[in-house]
Amino acid sequence: MSGILNNKTEDKAKQAPGSGATGIARGAAATIGNTVGSVTDTAGEIAGSAGRGVGSTIESATGDYGKPIGDGIANIGTGVEGATQEVGKGIKNAGQGKSLS
């Protein structure tokens, strides 16, 4: 009778990969990874913009005397932004099960 209804126990064991609890866990990890990665990216962009803004303000207020300091602060902001983008990318990739490369 089970052959007629095609509900053999062997067929139930051959579920698609990523189905059930494993699929839910992977989906949750991807969602969390993308969310945290995006928040990290945004924080880095804010820090980078703020650093460049402060650097530009110092340079404008002090002229040529403050240019090296303004440039240095702007470069720090850009460096923080780049670093946080890489961290965010790594978090997103980890959430999607990708390797670090």
C-alpha atoms as a PDB file:
ATOM      1  CA  MET A   1       0.000   0.000   0.000  1.00  0.00           C
ATOM      2  CA  SER A   2       2.863   2.408   0.786  1.00  0.00           C
ATOM      3  CA  GLY A   3       4.177   1.984  -2.771  1.00  0.00           C
ATOM      4  CA  ILE A   4       0.871   3.160  -4.207  1.00  0.00           C
ATOM      5  CA  LEU A   5       0.784   6.321  -2.089  1.00  0.00           C
ATOM      6  CA  ASN A   6       4.521   6.888  -2.643  1.00  0.00           C
ATOM      7  CA  ASN A   7       5.212   7.659   1.010  1.00  0.00           C
ATOM      8  CA  LYS A   8       8.161   5.379   1.636  1.00  0.00           C
ATOM      9  CA  THR A   9      10.365   6.189   4.575  1.00  0.00           C
ATOM     10  CA  GLU A  10      13.397   6.327   2.271  1.00  0.00           C
ATOM     11  CA  ASP A  11      11.846   9.256   0.374  1.00  0.00           C
ATOM     12  CA  LYS A  12      11.378  11.233   3.589  1.00  0.00           C
ATOM     13  CA  ALA A  13      15.059  10.791   4.433  1.00  0.00           C
ATOM     14  CA  LYS A  14      16.061  12.315   1.083  1.00  0.00           C
ATOM     15  CA  GLN A  15      14.918  15.849   1.830  1.00  0.00           C
ATOM     16  CA  ALA A  16      16.583  18.740   0.111  1.00  0.00           C
ATOM     17  CA  PRO A  17      19.754  20.032   1.763  1.00  0.00           C
ATOM     18  CA  GLY A  18      19.133  23.085   3.906  1.00  0.00           C
ATOM     19  CA  SER A  19      15.574  22.111   4.711  1.00  0.00           C
ATOM     20  CA  GLY A  20      14.095  21.942   8.175  1.00  0.00           C
ATOM     21  CA  ALA A  21      16.050  23.176  11.195  1.00  0.00           C
ATOM     22  CA  THR A  22      19.290  23.500   9.215  1.00  0.00           C
ATOM     23  CA  GLY A  23      17.624  25.779   6.687  1.00  0.00           C
ATOM     24  CA  ILE A  24      16.091  27.910   9.416  1.00  0.00           C
ATOM     25  CA  ALA A  25      19.450  28.225  11.187  1.00  0.00           C
ATOM     26  CA  ARG A  26      21.220  29.195   7.961  1.00  0.00           C
ATOM     27  CA  GLY A  27      18.548  31.756   7.149  1.00  0.00           C
ATOM     28  CA  ALA A  28      18.766  33.256  10.615  1.00  0.00           C
ATOM     29  CA  ALA A  29      22.570  33.384  10.470  1.00  0.00           C
ATOM     30  CA  ALA A  30      22.441  35.093   7.079  1.00  0.00           C
ATOM     31  CA  THR A  31      19.892  37.632   8.300  1.00  0.00           C
ATOM     32  CA  ILE A  32      21.851  38.420  11.447  1.00  0.00           C
ATOM     33  CA  GLY A  33      25.124  38.569   9.507  1.00  0.00           C
ATOM     34  CA  ASN A  34      23.700  40.961   6.918  1.00  0.00           C
ATOM     35  CA  THR A  35      22.143  43.177   9.595  1.00  0.00           C
ATOM     36  CA  VAL A  36      25.255  43.390  11.778  1.00  0.00           C
ATOM     37  CA  GLY A  37      27.485  43.801   8.722  1.00  0.00           C
ATOM     38  CA  SER A  38      25.352  46.655   7.403  1.00  0.00           C
ATOM     39  CA  VAL A  39      25.308  48.398  10.791  1.00  0.00           C
ATOM     40  CA  THR A  40      29.109  48.068  10.917  1.00  0.00           C
ATOM     41  CA  ASP A  41      29.393  49.542   7.402  1.00  0.00           C
ATOM     42  CA  THR A  42      27.158  52.460   8.364  1.00  0.00           C
ATOM     43  CA  ALA A  43      29.113  53.170  11.547  1.00  0.00           C
ATOM     44  CA  GLY A  44      32.337  53.177   9.544  1.00  0.00           C
ATOM     45  CA  GLU A  45      30.907  55.552   6.968  1.00  0.00           C
ATOM     46  CA  ILE A  46      29.792  57.920   9.716  1.00  0.00           C
ATOM     47  CA  ALA A  47      33.229  57.798  11.371  1.00  0.00           C
ATOM     48  CA  GLY A  48      34.952  58.352   8.031  1.00  0.00           C
ATOM     49  CA  SER A  49      32.742  61.292   7.133  1.00  0.00           C
ATOM     50  CA  ALA A  50      33.156  62.822  10.577  1.00  0.00           C
ATOM     51  CA  GLY A  51      36.943  62.481  10.392  1.00  0.00           C
ATOM     52  CA  ARG A  52      37.081  64.093   6.973  1.00  0.00           C
ATOM     53  CA  GLY A  53      34.746  66.860   8.154  1.00  0.00           C
ATOM     54  CA  VAL A  54      36.826  67.645  11.241  1.00  0.00           C
ATOM     55  CA  GLY A  55      40.010  67.540   9.167  1.00  0.00           C
ATOM     56  CA  SER A  56      38.544  69.934   6.623  1.00  0.00           C
ATOM     57  CA  THR A  57      37.328  72.279   9.365  1.00  0.00           C
ATOM     58  CA  ILE A  58      40.764  72.394  11.001  1.00  0.00           C
ATOM     59  CA  GLU A  59      42.408  73.074   7.666  1.00  0.00           C
ATOM     60  CA  SER A  60      39.909  75.831   6.813  1.00  0.00           C
ATOM     61  CA  ALA A  61      40.232  77.491  10.212  1.00  0.00           C
ATOM     62  CA  THR A  62      44.031  77.453  10.390  1.00  0.00           C
ATOM     63  CA  GLY A  63      45.039  77.675   6.758  1.00  0.00           C
ATOM     64  CA  ASP A  64      48.379  76.226   5.688  1.00  0.00           C
ATOM     65  CA  TYR A  65      49.560  75.826   9.286  1.00  0.00           C
ATOM     66  CA  GLY A  66      46.810  73.351  10.140  1.00  0.00           C
ATOM     67  CA  LYS A  67      46.825  71.493   6.831  1.00  0.00           C
ATOM     68  CA  PRO A  68      49.042  68.597   8.014  1.00  0.00           C
ATOM     69  CA  ILE A  69      46.914  68.103  11.126  1.00  0.00           C
ATOM     70  CA  GLY A  70      43.671  68.354   9.151  1.00  0.00           C
ATOM     71  CA  ASP A  71      44.974  65.908   6.564  1.00  0.00           C
ATOM     72  CA  GLY A  72      46.069  63.512   9.297  1.00  0.00           C
ATOM     73  CA  ILE A  73      42.660  63.542  10.974  1.00  0.00           C
ATOM     74  CA  ALA A  74      40.941  63.092   7.618  1.00  0.00           C
ATOM     75  CA  ASN A  75      43.218  60.146   6.818  1.00  0.00           C
ATOM     76  CA  ILE A  76      42.452  58.527  10.174  1.00  0.00           C
ATOM     77  CA  GLY A  77      38.732  58.842   9.451  1.00  0.00           C
ATOM     78  CA  THR A  78      39.201  57.285   6.014  1.00  0.00           C
ATOM     79  CA  GLY A  79      41.253  54.456   7.534  1.00  0.00           C
ATOM     80  CA  VAL A  80      38.593  53.719  10.137  1.00  0.00           C
ATOM     81  CA  GLU A  81      35.969  53.699   7.407  1.00  0.00           C
ATOM     82  CA  GLY A  82      37.960  51.235   5.286  1.00  0.00           C
ATOM     83  CA  ALA A  83      38.636  48.954   8.229  1.00  0.00           C
ATOM     84  CA  THR A  84      35.011  48.819   9.304  1.00  0.00           C
ATOM     85  CA  GLN A  85      33.923  48.094   5.739  1.00  0.00           C
ATOM     86  CA  GLU A  86      36.235  45.070   5.695  1.00  0.00           C
ATOM     87  CA  VAL A  87      34.891  43.899   9.065  1.00  0.00           C
ATOM     88  CA  GLY A  88      31.322  44.347   7.837  1.00  0.00           C
ATOM     89  CA  LYS A  89      32.106  42.395   4.676  1.00  0.00           C
ATOM     90  CA  GLY A  90      33.600  39.578   6.757  1.00  0.00           C
ATOM     91  CA  ILE A  91      30.535  39.460   9.007  1.00  0.00           C
ATOM     92  CA  LYS A  92      28.209  39.308   6.003  1.00  0.00           C
ATOM     93  CA  ASN A  93      30.286  36.556   4.380  1.00  0.00           C
ATOM     94  CA  ALA A  94      30.366  34.547   7.607  1.00  0.00           C
ATOM     95  CA  GLY A  95      26.596  34.806   7.900  1.00  0.00           C
ATOM     96  CA  GLN A  96      26.282  33.420   4.388  1.00  0.00           C
ATOM     97  CA  GLY A  97      28.704  30.592   5.089  1.00  0.00           C
ATOM     98  CA  LYS A  98      31.425  31.966   2.795  1.00  0.00           C
ATOM     99  CA  SER A  99      35.068  31.481   3.594  1.00  0.00           C
ATOM    100  CA  LEU A 100      37.372  34.316   4.584  1.00  0.00           C
ATOM    101  CA  SER A 101      39.255  35.456   1.515  1.00  0.00           C
END
